[in-house]
């Protein structure tokens, strides 16, 4: 059996102590992997994909209006109001999230309730 060097154990413990308590619990689950159930969603206007389900999170890409995309789940995140709709549901893709406000369908972009991230 191989032993983990003490320096690695010490570094891991130090990093763990730097993360504020409760931070990990507050983060949403990552979008599902492509091997899991997937759903087709269509934005009705160009929409940004963000790293986390917030408008201020890192920008990753833009989805084009009218095109079909593969989504894996939905989660609650920052509330978004646009075009007369208000919603805190974000659609999970392989690498990030987009507000459900910008997708055709119901408040979950037609993803089932069981598809929660």
PDB file of N, CA and C in Angstrom:
ATOM      1  N   UNK A   1       0.844  -1.177   0.000  1.00  0.00           N
ATOM      2  CA  UNK A   1       0.000   0.000   0.000  1.00  0.00           C
ATOM      3  C   UNK A   1       0.884   1.233   0.000  1.00  0.00           C
ATOM      4  N   UNK A   2       0.506   2.215  -0.793  1.00  0.00           N
ATOM      5  CA  UNK A   2       1.286   3.437  -0.932  1.00  0.00           C
ATOM      6  C   UNK A   2       0.836   4.465   0.082  1.00  0.00           C
ATOM      7  N   UNK A   3       1.766   5.148   0.687  1.00  0.00           N
ATOM      8  CA  UNK A   3       1.446   6.159   1.693  1.00  0.00           C
ATOM      9  C   UNK A   3       1.421   7.538   1.051  1.00  0.00           C
ATOM     10  N   UNK A   4       0.508   8.378   1.501  1.00  0.00           N
ATOM     11  CA  UNK A   4       0.413   9.759   1.032  1.00  0.00           C
ATOM     12  C   UNK A   4       1.438  10.573   1.811  1.00  0.00           C
ATOM     13  N   UNK A   5       2.294  11.302   1.096  1.00  0.00           N
ATOM     14  CA  UNK A   5       3.290  12.117   1.795  1.00  0.00           C
ATOM     15  C   UNK A   5       2.628  13.107   2.756  1.00  0.00           C
ATOM     16  N   UNK A   6       3.290  13.349   3.874  1.00  0.00           N
ATOM     17  CA  UNK A   6       2.762  14.240   4.905  1.00  0.00           C
ATOM     18  C   UNK A   6       2.504  15.641   4.365  1.00  0.00           C
ATOM     19  N   UNK A   7       3.324  16.105   3.418  1.00  0.00           N
ATOM     20  CA  UNK A   7       3.148  17.457   2.896  1.00  0.00           C
ATOM     21  C   UNK A   7       1.795  17.590   2.164  1.00  0.00           C
ATOM     22  N   UNK A   8       1.365  16.537   1.454  1.00  0.00           N
ATOM     23  CA  UNK A   8       0.078  16.589   0.767  1.00  0.00           C
ATOM     24  C   UNK A   8      -1.052  16.624   1.777  1.00  0.00           C
ATOM     25  N   UNK A   9      -0.958  15.803   2.808  1.00  0.00           N
ATOM     26  CA  UNK A   9      -1.976  15.791   3.852  1.00  0.00           C
ATOM     27  C   UNK A   9      -2.067  17.150   4.525  1.00  0.00           C
ATOM     28  N   UNK A  10      -0.924  17.768   4.805  1.00  0.00           N
ATOM     29  CA  UNK A  10      -0.889  19.081   5.449  1.00  0.00           C
ATOM     30  C   UNK A  10      -1.495  20.144   4.538  1.00  0.00           C
ATOM     31  N   UNK A  11      -1.168  20.107   3.235  1.00  0.00           N
ATOM     32  CA  UNK A  11      -1.724  21.078   2.288  1.00  0.00           C
ATOM     33  C   UNK A  11      -3.235  20.946   2.204  1.00  0.00           C
ATOM     34  N   UNK A  12      -3.732  19.724   2.139  1.00  0.00           N
ATOM     35  CA  UNK A  12      -5.177  19.513   2.063  1.00  0.00           C
ATOM     36  C   UNK A  12      -5.866  20.046   3.303  1.00  0.00           C
ATOM     37  N   UNK A  13      -5.295  19.826   4.465  1.00  0.00           N
ATOM     38  CA  UNK A  13      -5.883  20.316   5.706  1.00  0.00           C
ATOM     39  C   UNK A  13      -5.865  21.839   5.742  1.00  0.00           C
ATOM     40  N   UNK A  14      -4.791  22.444   5.264  1.00  0.00           N
ATOM     41  CA  UNK A  14      -4.686  23.901   5.239  1.00  0.00           C
ATOM     42  C   UNK A  14      -5.730  24.494   4.297  1.00  0.00           C
ATOM     43  N   UNK A  15      -5.871  23.916   3.097  1.00  0.00           N
ATOM     44  CA  UNK A  15      -6.869  24.407   2.151  1.00  0.00           C
ATOM     45  C   UNK A  15      -8.275  24.282   2.714  1.00  0.00           C
ATOM     46  N   UNK A  16      -8.553  23.169   3.361  1.00  0.00           N
ATOM     47  CA  UNK A  16      -9.883  22.966   3.943  1.00  0.00           C
ATOM     48  C   UNK A  16     -10.180  24.022   4.997  1.00  0.00           C
ATOM     49  N   UNK A  17      -9.171  24.438   5.749  1.00  0.00           N
ATOM     50  CA  UNK A  17      -9.391  25.428   6.796  1.00  0.00           C
ATOM     51  C   UNK A  17      -9.614  26.836   6.232  1.00  0.00           C
ATOM     52  N   UNK A  18      -9.202  27.066   4.977  1.00  0.00           N
ATOM     53  CA  UNK A  18      -9.365  28.384   4.363  1.00  0.00           C
ATOM     54  C   UNK A  18     -10.758  28.600   3.777  1.00  0.00           C
ATOM     55  N   UNK A  19     -11.495  27.524   3.534  1.00  0.00           N
ATOM     56  CA  UNK A  19     -12.835  27.632   2.967  1.00  0.00           C
ATOM     57  C   UNK A  19     -13.804  27.970   4.087  1.00  0.00           C
ATOM     58  N   UNK A  20     -14.543  29.088   3.961  1.00  0.00           N
ATOM     59  CA  UNK A  20     -15.494  29.457   5.010  1.00  0.00           C
ATOM     60  C   UNK A  20     -16.524  28.356   5.243  1.00  0.00           C
ATOM     61  N   UNK A  21     -16.899  28.176   6.480  1.00  0.00           N
ATOM     62  CA  UNK A  21     -17.887  27.151   6.834  1.00  0.00           C
ATOM     63  C   UNK A  21     -19.182  27.410   6.085  1.00  0.00           C
ATOM     64  N   UNK A  22     -19.762  26.368   5.531  1.00  0.00           N
ATOM     65  CA  UNK A  22     -21.036  26.479   4.838  1.00  0.00           C
ATOM     66  C   UNK A  22     -20.925  26.874   3.376  1.00  0.00           C
ATOM     67  N   UNK A  23     -19.722  27.264   2.910  1.00  0.00           N
ATOM     68  CA  UNK A  23     -19.583  27.686   1.519  1.00  0.00           C
ATOM     69  C   UNK A  23     -19.883  26.542   0.569  1.00  0.00           C
ATOM     70  N   UNK A  24     -19.345  25.396   0.820  1.00  0.00           N
ATOM     71  CA  UNK A  24     -19.569  24.251  -0.063  1.00  0.00           C
ATOM     72  C   UNK A  24     -21.049  23.869  -0.076  1.00  0.00           C
ATOM     73  N   UNK A  25     -21.716  23.957   1.052  1.00  0.00           N
ATOM     74  CA  UNK A  25     -23.127  23.589   1.122  1.00  0.00           C
ATOM     75  C   UNK A  25     -23.998  24.579   0.348  1.00  0.00           C
ATOM     76  N   UNK A  26     -23.548  25.831   0.222  1.00  0.00           N
ATOM     77  CA  UNK A  26     -24.340  26.853  -0.452  1.00  0.00           C
ATOM     78  C   UNK A  26     -24.231  26.758  -1.973  1.00  0.00           C
ATOM     79  N   UNK A  27     -23.179  26.116  -2.473  1.00  0.00           N
ATOM     80  CA  UNK A  27     -22.989  26.018  -3.908  1.00  0.00           C
ATOM     81  C   UNK A  27     -23.955  25.006  -4.500  1.00  0.00           C
ATOM     82  N   UNK A  28     -24.505  25.301  -5.689  1.00  0.00           N
ATOM     83  CA  UNK A  28     -25.422  24.350  -6.311  1.00  0.00           C
ATOM     84  C   UNK A  28     -24.665  23.134  -6.808  1.00  0.00           C
ATOM     85  N   UNK A  29     -25.366  22.060  -6.984  1.00  0.00           N
ATOM     86  CA  UNK A  29     -24.762  20.865  -7.532  1.00  0.00           C
ATOM     87  C   UNK A  29     -24.336  21.152  -8.968  1.00  0.00           C
ATOM     88  N   UNK A  30     -23.266  20.525  -9.389  1.00  0.00           N
ATOM     89  CA  UNK A  30     -22.815  20.688 -10.764  1.00  0.00           C
ATOM     90  C   UNK A  30     -23.839  20.072 -11.706  1.00  0.00           C
ATOM     91  N   UNK A  31     -23.922  20.584 -12.922  1.00  0.00           N
ATOM     92  CA  UNK A  31     -24.832  19.963 -13.878  1.00  0.00           C
ATOM     93  C   UNK A  31     -24.491  18.484 -14.040  1.00  0.00           C
ATOM     94  N   UNK A  32     -25.476  17.720 -14.424  1.00  0.00           N
ATOM     95  CA  UNK A  32     -25.296  16.285 -14.586  1.00  0.00           C
ATOM     96  C   UNK A  32     -24.321  15.979 -15.714  1.00  0.00           C
ATOM     97  N   UNK A  33     -23.759  14.815 -15.679  1.00  0.00           N
ATOM     98  CA  UNK A  33     -22.849  14.408 -16.743  1.00  0.00           C
ATOM     99  C   UNK A  33     -23.647  13.973 -17.969  1.00  0.00           C
ATOM    100  N   UNK A  34     -23.018  14.033 -19.140  1.00  0.00           N
ATOM    101  CA  UNK A  34     -23.726  13.652 -20.362  1.00  0.00           C
ATOM    102  C   UNK A  34     -24.237  12.209 -20.346  1.00  0.00           C
ATOM    103  N   UNK A  35     -23.719  11.357 -19.482  1.00  0.00           N
ATOM    104  CA  UNK A  35     -24.170   9.966 -19.423  1.00  0.00           C
ATOM    105  C   UNK A  35     -25.554   9.842 -18.780  1.00  0.00           C
ATOM    106  N   UNK A  36     -26.001  10.870 -18.081  1.00  0.00           N
ATOM    107  CA  UNK A  36     -27.290  10.843 -17.409  1.00  0.00           C
ATOM    108  C   UNK A  36     -28.389  11.348 -18.347  1.00  0.00           C
ATOM    109  N   UNK A  37     -29.619  11.368 -17.856  1.00  0.00           N
ATOM    110  CA  UNK A  37     -30.771  11.805 -18.643  1.00  0.00           C
ATOM    111  C   UNK A  37     -30.546  13.211 -19.200  1.00  0.00           C
ATOM    112  N   UNK A  38     -30.940  13.425 -20.437  1.00  0.00           N
ATOM    113  CA  UNK A  38     -30.803  14.747 -21.040  1.00  0.00           C
ATOM    114  C   UNK A  38     -32.131  15.184 -21.635  1.00  0.00           C
ATOM    115  N   UNK A  39     -32.249  16.501 -21.854  1.00  0.00           N
ATOM    116  CA  UNK A  39     -33.474  17.116 -22.346  1.00  0.00           C
ATOM    117  C   UNK A  39     -33.102  18.171 -23.375  1.00  0.00           C
ATOM    118  N   UNK A  40     -33.998  18.429 -24.298  1.00  0.00           N
ATOM    119  CA  UNK A  40     -33.763  19.458 -25.304  1.00  0.00           C
ATOM    120  C   UNK A  40     -34.450  20.745 -24.867  1.00  0.00           C
ATOM    121  N   UNK A  41     -33.704  21.844 -24.907  1.00  0.00           N
ATOM    122  CA  UNK A  41     -34.251  23.160 -24.584  1.00  0.00           C
ATOM    123  C   UNK A  41     -33.940  24.109 -25.734  1.00  0.00           C
ATOM    124  N   UNK A  42     -34.801  25.132 -25.888  1.00  0.00           N
ATOM    125  CA  UNK A  42     -34.639  26.100 -26.974  1.00  0.00           C
ATOM    126  C   UNK A  42     -34.807  27.505 -26.394  1.00  0.00           C
ATOM    127  N   UNK A  43     -33.758  28.339 -26.450  1.00  0.00           N
ATOM    128  CA  UNK A  43     -33.911  29.724 -25.985  1.00  0.00           C
ATOM    129  C   UNK A  43     -34.676  30.551 -27.015  1.00  0.00           C
ATOM    130  N   UNK A  44     -35.504  31.470 -26.548  1.00  0.00           N
ATOM    131  CA  UNK A  44     -36.233  32.332 -27.481  1.00  0.00           C
ATOM    132  C   UNK A  44     -35.454  33.599 -27.798  1.00  0.00           C
ATOM    133  N   UNK A  45     -34.334  33.806 -27.120  1.00  0.00           N
ATOM    134  CA  UNK A  45     -33.389  34.873 -27.474  1.00  0.00           C
ATOM    135  C   UNK A  45     -32.006  34.389 -27.078  1.00  0.00           C
ATOM    136  N   UNK A  46     -30.962  35.054 -27.565  1.00  0.00           N
ATOM    137  CA  UNK A  46     -29.607  34.660 -27.189  1.00  0.00           C
ATOM    138  C   UNK A  46     -29.466  34.753 -25.675  1.00  0.00           C
ATOM    139  N   UNK A  47     -28.853  33.744 -25.071  1.00  0.00           N
ATOM    140  CA  UNK A  47     -28.736  33.705 -23.615  1.00  0.00           C
ATOM    141  C   UNK A  47     -27.328  33.256 -23.218  1.00  0.00           C
ATOM    142  N   UNK A  48     -26.814  33.873 -22.170  1.00  0.00           N
ATOM    143  CA  UNK A  48     -25.470  33.550 -21.693  1.00  0.00           C
ATOM    144  C   UNK A  48     -25.486  32.316 -20.796  1.00  0.00           C
ATOM    145  N   UNK A  49     -24.438  31.520 -20.916  1.00  0.00           N
ATOM    146  CA  UNK A  49     -24.207  30.392 -20.020  1.00  0.00           C
ATOM    147  C   UNK A  49     -23.186  30.877 -18.997  1.00  0.00           C
ATOM    148  N   UNK A  50     -23.507  30.679 -17.724  1.00  0.00           N
ATOM    149  CA  UNK A  50     -22.645  31.116 -16.623  1.00  0.00           C
ATOM    150  C   UNK A  50     -22.107  29.910 -15.854  1.00  0.00           C
ATOM    151  N   UNK A  51     -21.000  30.071 -15.193  1.00  0.00           N
ATOM    152  CA  UNK A  51     -20.386  28.994 -14.409  1.00  0.00           C
ATOM    153  C   UNK A  51     -21.304  28.550 -13.268  1.00  0.00           C
ATOM    154  N   UNK A  52     -21.944  29.502 -12.602  1.00  0.00           N
ATOM    155  CA  UNK A  52     -22.866  29.242 -11.498  1.00  0.00           C
ATOM    156  C   UNK A  52     -24.218  29.883 -11.828  1.00  0.00           C
ATOM    157  N   UNK A  53     -25.277  29.515 -11.142  1.00  0.00           N
ATOM    158  CA  UNK A  53     -26.602  30.073 -11.452  1.00  0.00           C
ATOM    159  C   UNK A  53     -26.826  31.481 -10.892  1.00  0.00           C
ATOM    160  N   UNK A  54     -25.962  32.419 -11.318  1.00  0.00           N
ATOM    161  CA  UNK A  54     -26.091  33.831 -10.963  1.00  0.00           C
ATOM    162  C   UNK A  54     -25.681  34.676 -12.168  1.00  0.00           C
ATOM    163  N   UNK A  55     -26.253  35.862 -12.286  1.00  0.00           N
ATOM    164  CA  UNK A  55     -25.934  36.756 -13.402  1.00  0.00           C
ATOM    165  C   UNK A  55     -24.495  37.255 -13.340  1.00  0.00           C
ATOM    166  N   UNK A  56     -23.891  37.273 -12.164  1.00  0.00           N
ATOM    167  CA  UNK A  56     -22.542  37.804 -12.003  1.00  0.00           C
ATOM    168  C   UNK A  56     -21.461  36.733 -12.090  1.00  0.00           C
ATOM    169  N   UNK A  57     -21.854  35.489 -12.268  1.00  0.00           N
ATOM    170  CA  UNK A  57     -20.893  34.394 -12.358  1.00  0.00           C
ATOM    171  C   UNK A  57     -20.127  34.483 -13.678  1.00  0.00           C
ATOM    172  N   UNK A  58     -19.013  33.792 -13.736  1.00  0.00           N
ATOM    173  CA  UNK A  58     -18.165  33.817 -14.929  1.00  0.00           C
ATOM    174  C   UNK A  58     -18.939  33.415 -16.181  1.00  0.00           C
ATOM    175  N   UNK A  59     -18.762  34.198 -17.233  1.00  0.00           N
ATOM    176  CA  UNK A  59     -19.381  33.942 -18.535  1.00  0.00           C
ATOM    177  C   UNK A  59     -18.636  32.802 -19.227  1.00  0.00           C
ATOM    178  N   UNK A  60     -19.377  31.837 -19.789  1.00  0.00           N
ATOM    179  CA  UNK A  60     -18.763  30.712 -20.486  1.00  0.00           C
ATOM    180  C   UNK A  60     -19.055  30.701 -21.984  1.00  0.00           C
ATOM    181  N   UNK A  61     -20.292  31.018 -22.357  1.00  0.00           N
ATOM    182  CA  UNK A  61     -20.694  30.931 -23.770  1.00  0.00           C
ATOM    183  C   UNK A  61     -22.034  31.623 -23.958  1.00  0.00           C
ATOM    184  N   UNK A  62     -22.456  31.731 -25.205  1.00  0.00           N
ATOM    185  CA  UNK A  62     -23.785  32.256 -25.535  1.00  0.00           C
ATOM    186  C   UNK A  62     -24.528  31.222 -26.356  1.00  0.00           C
ATOM    187  N   UNK A  63     -25.768  30.938 -25.966  1.00  0.00           N
ATOM    188  CA  UNK A  63     -26.637  30.049 -26.728  1.00  0.00           C
ATOM    189  C   UNK A  63     -27.449  30.908 -27.691  1.00  0.00           C
ATOM    190  N   UNK A  64     -27.604  30.453 -28.920  1.00  0.00           N
ATOM    191  CA  UNK A  64     -28.284  31.208 -29.959  1.00  0.00           C
ATOM    192  C   UNK A  64     -29.786  30.951 -29.949  1.00  0.00           C
ATOM    193  N   UNK A  65     -30.549  32.023 -30.062  1.00  0.00           N
ATOM    194  CA  UNK A  65     -32.016  31.935 -30.089  1.00  0.00           C
ATOM    195  C   UNK A  65     -32.485  30.986 -31.183  1.00  0.00           C
ATOM    196  N   UNK A  66     -33.490  30.159 -30.844  1.00  0.00           N
ATOM    197  CA  UNK A  66     -34.092  29.266 -31.811  1.00  0.00           C
ATOM    198  C   UNK A  66     -33.359  27.956 -32.040  1.00  0.00           C
ATOM    199  N   UNK A  67     -32.147  27.816 -31.516  1.00  0.00           N
ATOM    200  CA  UNK A  67     -31.379  26.577 -31.666  1.00  0.00           C
ATOM    201  C   UNK A  67     -31.716  25.617 -30.526  1.00  0.00           C
ATOM    202  N   UNK A  68     -31.583  24.331 -30.758  1.00  0.00           N
ATOM    203  CA  UNK A  68     -31.815  23.320 -29.717  1.00  0.00           C
ATOM    204  C   UNK A  68     -30.511  23.014 -28.994  1.00  0.00           C
ATOM    205  N   UNK A  69     -30.604  22.859 -27.668  1.00  0.00           N
ATOM    206  CA  UNK A  69     -29.446  22.547 -26.838  1.00  0.00           C
ATOM    207  C   UNK A  69     -29.791  21.423 -25.871  1.00  0.00           C
ATOM    208  N   UNK A  70     -28.783  20.687 -25.463  1.00  0.00           N
ATOM    209  CA  UNK A  70     -28.972  19.599 -24.518  1.00  0.00           C
ATOM    210  C   UNK A  70     -28.763  20.106 -23.103  1.00  0.00           C
ATOM    211  N   UNK A  71     -29.787  19.943 -22.284  1.00  0.00           N
ATOM    212  CA  UNK A  71     -29.735  20.327 -20.870  1.00  0.00           C
ATOM    213  C   UNK A  71     -29.833  19.056 -20.036  1.00  0.00           C
ATOM    214  N   UNK A  72     -29.350  19.122 -18.797  1.00  0.00           N
ATOM    215  CA  UNK A  72     -29.323  17.937 -17.945  1.00  0.00           C
ATOM    216  C   UNK A  72     -30.137  18.068 -16.668  1.00  0.00           C
ATOM    217  N   UNK A  73     -30.360  19.307 -16.220  1.00  0.00           N
ATOM    218  CA  UNK A  73     -31.050  19.478 -14.948  1.00  0.00           C
ATOM    219  C   UNK A  73     -31.459  20.937 -14.766  1.00  0.00           C
ATOM    220  N   UNK A  74     -32.128  21.214 -13.664  1.00  0.00           N
ATOM    221  CA  UNK A  74     -32.462  22.585 -13.284  1.00  0.00           C
ATOM    222  C   UNK A  74     -32.164  22.745 -11.795  1.00  0.00           C
ATOM    223  N   UNK A  75     -31.935  23.989 -11.388  1.00  0.00           N
ATOM    224  CA  UNK A  75     -31.679  24.296  -9.984  1.00  0.00           C
ATOM    225  C   UNK A  75     -32.193  25.692  -9.676  1.00  0.00           C
ATOM    226  N   UNK A  76     -32.371  25.981  -8.405  1.00  0.00           N
ATOM    227  CA  UNK A  76     -32.722  27.340  -7.994  1.00  0.00           C
ATOM    228  C   UNK A  76     -31.441  28.147  -7.853  1.00  0.00           C
ATOM    229  N   UNK A  77     -31.487  29.386  -8.282  1.00  0.00           N
ATOM    230  CA  UNK A  77     -30.341  30.277  -8.199  1.00  0.00           C
ATOM    231  C   UNK A  77     -30.818  31.703  -8.016  1.00  0.00           C
ATOM    232  N   UNK A  78     -30.062  32.640  -8.560  1.00  0.00           N
ATOM    233  CA  UNK A  78     -30.418  34.056  -8.466  1.00  0.00           C
ATOM    234  C   UNK A  78     -31.711  34.318  -9.233  1.00  0.00           C
ATOM    235  N   UNK A  79     -32.578  35.141  -8.686  1.00  0.00           N
ATOM    236  CA  UNK A  79     -33.822  35.502  -9.351  1.00  0.00           C
ATOM    237  C   UNK A  79     -33.529  36.457 -10.508  1.00  0.00           C
ATOM    238  N   UNK A  80     -34.129  36.164 -11.654  1.00  0.00           N
ATOM    239  CA  UNK A  80     -33.960  36.984 -12.855  1.00  0.00           C
ATOM    240  C   UNK A  80     -35.335  37.484 -13.292  1.00  0.00           C
ATOM    241  N   UNK A  81     -35.417  38.766 -13.619  1.00  0.00           N
ATOM    242  CA  UNK A  81     -36.640  39.349 -14.159  1.00  0.00           C
ATOM    243  C   UNK A  81     -36.308  39.948 -15.518  1.00  0.00           C
ATOM    244  N   UNK A  82     -37.039  39.525 -16.539  1.00  0.00           N
ATOM    245  CA  UNK A  82     -36.837  40.063 -17.878  1.00  0.00           C
ATOM    246  C   UNK A  82     -38.070  39.753 -18.714  1.00  0.00           C
ATOM    247  N   UNK A  83     -38.444  40.669 -19.589  1.00  0.00           N
ATOM    248  CA  UNK A  83     -39.591  40.502 -20.488  1.00  0.00           C
ATOM    249  C   UNK A  83     -40.882  40.170 -19.729  1.00  0.00           C
ATOM    250  N   UNK A  84     -41.034  40.692 -18.526  1.00  0.00           N
ATOM    251  CA  UNK A  84     -42.246  40.465 -17.754  1.00  0.00           C
ATOM    252  C   UNK A  84     -42.275  39.151 -16.982  1.00  0.00           C
ATOM    253  N   UNK A  85     -41.206  38.372 -17.037  1.00  0.00           N
ATOM    254  CA  UNK A  85     -41.132  37.110 -16.309  1.00  0.00           C
ATOM    255  C   UNK A  85     -40.118  37.211 -15.181  1.00  0.00           C
ATOM    256  N   UNK A  86     -40.431  36.580 -14.053  1.00  0.00           N
ATOM    257  CA  UNK A  86     -39.510  36.518 -12.921  1.00  0.00           C
ATOM    258  C   UNK A  86     -39.385  35.066 -12.510  1.00  0.00           C
ATOM    259  N   UNK A  87     -38.151  34.605 -12.360  1.00  0.00           N
ATOM    260  CA  UNK A  87     -37.917  33.195 -12.068  1.00  0.00           C
ATOM    261  C   UNK A  87     -36.541  33.039 -11.428  1.00  0.00           C
ATOM    262  N   UNK A  88     -36.410  32.065 -10.517  1.00  0.00           N
ATOM    263  CA  UNK A  88     -35.100  31.768  -9.930  1.00  0.00           C
ATOM    264  C   UNK A  88     -34.578  30.405 -10.387  1.00  0.00           C
ATOM    265  N   UNK A  89     -35.188  29.849 -11.424  1.00  0.00           N
ATOM    266  CA  UNK A  89     -34.773  28.549 -11.939  1.00  0.00           C
ATOM    267  C   UNK A  89     -33.696  28.749 -13.004  1.00  0.00           C
ATOM    268  N   UNK A  90     -32.649  27.937 -12.905  1.00  0.00           N
ATOM    269  CA  UNK A  90     -31.552  27.960 -13.871  1.00  0.00           C
ATOM    270  C   UNK A  90     -31.418  26.571 -14.470  1.00  0.00           C
ATOM    271  N   UNK A  91     -31.171  26.523 -15.771  1.00  0.00           N
ATOM    272  CA  UNK A  91     -31.046  25.272 -16.503  1.00  0.00           C
ATOM    273  C   UNK A  91     -29.577  24.865 -16.525  1.00  0.00           C
ATOM    274  N   UNK A  92     -29.318  23.594 -16.189  1.00  0.00           N
ATOM    275  CA  UNK A  92     -27.947  23.089 -16.129  1.00  0.00           C
ATOM    276  C   UNK A  92     -27.519  22.402 -17.416  1.00  0.00           C
ATOM    277  N   UNK A  93     -26.380  22.832 -17.922  1.00  0.00           N
ATOM    278  CA  UNK A  93     -25.762  22.238 -19.107  1.00  0.00           C
ATOM    279  C   UNK A  93     -24.504  21.502 -18.668  1.00  0.00           C
ATOM    280  N   UNK A  94     -23.752  20.956 -19.596  1.00  0.00           N
ATOM    281  CA  UNK A  94     -22.553  20.190 -19.246  1.00  0.00           C
ATOM    282  C   UNK A  94     -21.547  21.017 -18.443  1.00  0.00           C
ATOM    283  N   UNK A  95     -21.452  22.318 -18.739  1.00  0.00           N
ATOM    284  CA  UNK A  95     -20.436  23.146 -18.088  1.00  0.00           C
ATOM    285  C   UNK A  95     -20.966  24.315 -17.284  1.00  0.00           C
ATOM    286  N   UNK A  96     -22.249  24.611 -17.353  1.00  0.00           N
ATOM    287  CA  UNK A  96     -22.735  25.794 -16.654  1.00  0.00           C
ATOM    288  C   UNK A  96     -24.246  25.887 -16.656  1.00  0.00           C
ATOM    289  N   UNK A  97     -24.727  27.108 -16.395  1.00  0.00           N
ATOM    290  CA  UNK A  97     -26.159  27.343 -16.186  1.00  0.00           C
ATOM    291  C   UNK A  97     -26.635  28.575 -16.955  1.00  0.00           C
ATOM    292  N   UNK A  98     -27.914  28.559 -17.345  1.00  0.00           N
ATOM    293  CA  UNK A  98     -28.575  29.722 -17.945  1.00  0.00           C
ATOM    294  C   UNK A  98     -29.931  29.894 -17.281  1.00  0.00           C
ATOM    295  N   UNK A  99     -30.371  31.134 -17.138  1.00  0.00           N
ATOM    296  CA  UNK A  99     -31.668  31.397 -16.527  1.00  0.00           C
ATOM    297  C   UNK A  99     -32.788  30.822 -17.379  1.00  0.00           C
ATOM    298  N   UNK A 100     -33.735  30.147 -16.738  1.00  0.00           N
ATOM    299  CA  UNK A 100     -34.877  29.555 -17.437  1.00  0.00           C
ATOM    300  C   UNK A 100     -35.809  30.614 -18.018  1.00  0.00           C
ATOM    301  N   UNK A 101     -35.667  31.863 -17.597  1.00  0.00           N
ATOM    302  CA  UNK A 101     -36.492  32.959 -18.119  1.00  0.00           C
ATOM    303  C   UNK A 101     -36.379  33.044 -19.639  1.00  0.00           C
ATOM    304  N   UNK A 102     -35.243  32.637 -20.189  1.00  0.00           N
ATOM    305  CA  UNK A 102     -34.977  32.818 -21.615  1.00  0.00           C
ATOM    306  C   UNK A 102     -35.273  31.590 -22.477  1.00  0.00           C
ATOM    307  N   UNK A 103     -35.932  30.576 -21.921  1.00  0.00           N
ATOM    308  CA  UNK A 103     -36.198  29.359 -22.683  1.00  0.00           C
ATOM    309  C   UNK A 103     -37.688  29.156 -22.922  1.00  0.00           C
ATOM    310  N   UNK A 104     -38.002  28.549 -24.055  1.00  0.00           N
ATOM    311  CA  UNK A 104     -39.384  28.208 -24.377  1.00  0.00           C
ATOM    312  C   UNK A 104     -39.875  27.155 -23.393  1.00  0.00           C
ATOM    313  N   UNK A 105     -41.184  27.174 -23.138  1.00  0.00           N
ATOM    314  CA  UNK A 105     -41.768  26.177 -22.239  1.00  0.00           C
ATOM    315  C   UNK A 105     -42.205  26.796 -20.928  1.00  0.00           C
ATOM    316  N   UNK A 106     -42.346  25.958 -19.924  1.00  0.00           N
ATOM    317  CA  UNK A 106     -42.799  26.426 -18.613  1.00  0.00           C
ATOM    318  C   UNK A 106     -41.648  27.028 -17.809  1.00  0.00           C
ATOM    319  N   UNK A 107     -41.880  27.246 -16.522  1.00  0.00           N
ATOM    320  CA  UNK A 107     -40.865  27.892 -15.683  1.00  0.00           C
ATOM    321  C   UNK A 107     -39.582  27.073 -15.546  1.00  0.00           C
ATOM    322  N   UNK A 108     -39.627  25.784 -15.927  1.00  0.00           N
ATOM    323  CA  UNK A 108     -38.455  24.910 -15.878  1.00  0.00           C
ATOM    324  C   UNK A 108     -37.953  24.575 -17.281  1.00  0.00           C
ATOM    325  N   UNK A 109     -38.331  25.356 -18.286  1.00  0.00           N
ATOM    326  CA  UNK A 109     -37.977  25.109 -19.694  1.00  0.00           C
ATOM    327  C   UNK A 109     -38.434  23.715 -20.117  1.00  0.00           C
ATOM    328  N   UNK A 110     -39.527  23.263 -19.525  1.00  0.00           N
ATOM    329  CA  UNK A 110     -40.148  21.960 -19.782  1.00  0.00           C
ATOM    330  C   UNK A 110     -39.345  20.764 -19.261  1.00  0.00           C
ATOM    331  N   UNK A 111     -38.347  20.995 -18.407  1.00  0.00           N
ATOM    332  CA  UNK A 111     -37.670  19.876 -17.762  1.00  0.00           C
ATOM    333  C   UNK A 111     -38.576  19.357 -16.650  1.00  0.00           C
ATOM    334  N   UNK A 112     -38.588  18.059 -16.393  1.00  0.00           N
ATOM    335  CA  UNK A 112     -39.455  17.530 -15.336  1.00  0.00           C
ATOM    336  C   UNK A 112     -38.957  17.917 -13.950  1.00  0.00           C
ATOM    337  N   UNK A 113     -39.856  17.896 -12.983  1.00  0.00           N
ATOM    338  CA  UNK A 113     -39.495  18.219 -11.600  1.00  0.00           C
ATOM    339  C   UNK A 113     -38.396  17.308 -11.080  1.00  0.00           C
ATOM    340  N   UNK A 114     -38.317  16.093 -11.584  1.00  0.00           N
ATOM    341  CA  UNK A 114     -37.307  15.135 -11.124  1.00  0.00           C
ATOM    342  C   UNK A 114     -35.916  15.430 -11.673  1.00  0.00           C
ATOM    343  N   UNK A 115     -35.794  16.395 -12.568  1.00  0.00           N
ATOM    344  CA  UNK A 115     -34.495  16.712 -13.182  1.00  0.00           C
ATOM    345  C   UNK A 115     -33.709  17.748 -12.388  1.00  0.00           C
ATOM    346  N   UNK A 116     -34.005  17.889 -11.115  1.00  0.00           N
ATOM    347  CA  UNK A 116     -33.301  18.874 -10.288  1.00  0.00           C
ATOM    348  C   UNK A 116     -31.839  18.476 -10.124  1.00  0.00           C
ATOM    349  N   UNK A 117     -30.937  19.454 -10.268  1.00  0.00           N
ATOM    350  CA  UNK A 117     -29.485  19.208 -10.129  1.00  0.00           C
ATOM    351  C   UNK A 117     -29.165  18.796  -8.697  1.00  0.00           C
TER     352      UNK A 117
END
